[in-house]
Amino acid sequence: MTHTLPDRLAINPKSPFHNAELLQRGIGIRFNGAEKTNVEEYCVSEGWILVAVGRSLDRRGNPMTLKIKGVVEPYLKDEVPEA
């Protein structure tokens, strides 16, 4: 059974794009063909991801992020990826 994932998803609970139920199922991100594990937020239609930059924090205690543009492919980790 295939599930459609949202166009945009964030791990920050304060974000309007946060979906706790979906995140608990396990979301994987392939960015330009490489598996990424440090993605804070993604947007498929605009083609970008936000990744944490080291251990640096901003003045509010949130991780510093960097926006990278490219091909974003989200998938559910419990589903078998199509080859």
Protein backbone atom coordinates (compact mmCIF):
# COMPACT_ATOMS: atom_id res chain seq x y z
CA MET A 1 0.00 0.00 0.00
CA THR A 2 1.53 3.31 -1.02
CA HIS A 3 1.10 6.43 1.06
CA THR A 4 1.49 9.95 -0.20
CA LEU A 5 3.82 11.99 1.94
CA PRO A 6 3.29 15.72 2.47
CA ASP A 7 5.04 18.21 0.22
CA ARG A 8 6.62 19.83 3.27
CA LEU A 9 7.43 18.34 6.69
CA ALA A 10 9.35 19.62 9.74
CA ILE A 11 10.58 17.90 12.91
CA ASN A 12 10.17 21.07 15.02
CA PRO A 13 6.87 20.80 16.97
CA LYS A 14 6.41 24.60 16.79
CA SER A 15 6.30 24.51 12.98
CA PRO A 16 2.93 24.48 11.17
CA PHE A 17 4.39 21.70 8.96
CA HIS A 18 4.99 19.31 11.89
CA ASN A 19 3.15 15.94 11.82
CA ALA A 20 4.02 13.81 14.87
CA GLU A 21 2.10 10.71 13.74
CA LEU A 22 3.92 10.59 10.42
CA LEU A 23 7.33 11.21 12.02
CA GLN A 24 6.80 8.31 14.44
CA ARG A 25 6.31 5.95 11.51
CA GLY A 26 9.77 6.88 10.24
CA ILE A 27 10.55 9.13 7.29
CA GLY A 28 13.70 8.77 5.21
CA ILE A 29 15.07 11.46 2.89
CA ARG A 30 17.13 10.90 -0.24
CA PHE A 31 18.69 14.17 -1.39
CA ASN A 32 20.34 14.17 -4.82
CA GLY A 33 20.50 10.38 -4.55
CA ALA A 34 22.23 10.29 -1.12
CA GLU A 35 20.62 9.27 2.16
CA LYS A 36 20.43 12.17 4.66
CA THR A 37 19.87 11.63 8.38
CA ASN A 38 20.19 15.19 9.73
CA VAL A 39 17.27 16.84 7.89
CA GLU A 40 15.28 19.30 10.02
CA GLU A 41 12.71 20.18 7.32
CA TYR A 42 12.12 19.47 3.64
CA CYS A 43 10.03 20.78 0.75
CA VAL A 44 9.64 18.61 -2.36
CA SER A 45 7.96 21.15 -4.66
CA GLU A 46 10.56 23.87 -3.99
CA GLY A 47 13.44 21.35 -3.93
CA TRP A 48 15.25 22.12 -0.66
CA ILE A 49 16.13 20.67 2.74
CA LEU A 50 17.21 22.29 6.00
CA VAL A 51 20.10 20.48 7.67
CA ALA A 52 21.65 21.09 11.07
CA VAL A 53 25.07 22.74 10.99
CA GLY A 54 27.23 21.00 13.57
CA ARG A 55 26.25 21.53 17.19
CA SER A 56 25.78 25.29 16.92
CA LEU A 57 22.63 26.78 18.42
CA ASP A 58 20.93 30.09 17.75
CA ARG A 59 20.00 32.49 20.54
CA ARG A 60 16.69 30.70 21.09
CA GLY A 61 18.35 27.30 21.55
CA ASN A 62 17.37 25.91 18.14
CA PRO A 63 19.99 24.23 15.94
CA MET A 64 21.58 26.42 13.27
CA THR A 65 20.40 25.24 9.86
CA LEU A 66 21.51 25.53 6.28
CA LYS A 67 19.15 25.41 3.29
CA ILE A 68 20.41 23.22 0.44
CA LYS A 69 18.66 23.01 -2.94
CA GLY A 70 18.38 19.84 -5.00
CA VAL A 71 16.18 16.81 -5.68
CA VAL A 72 14.26 15.73 -2.54
CA GLU A 73 12.77 12.21 -2.31
CA PRO A 74 10.98 11.42 0.98
CA TYR A 75 9.90 7.86 1.73
CA LEU A 76 8.51 5.81 4.61
CA LYS A 77 11.21 3.65 6.20
CA ASP A 78 8.83 0.74 6.83
CA GLU A 79 8.02 0.42 3.09
CA VAL A 80 10.28 -1.41 0.68
CA PRO A 81 11.91 1.16 -1.66
CA GLU A 82 11.17 0.71 -5.36
CA ALA A 83 14.21 -0.18 -7.44
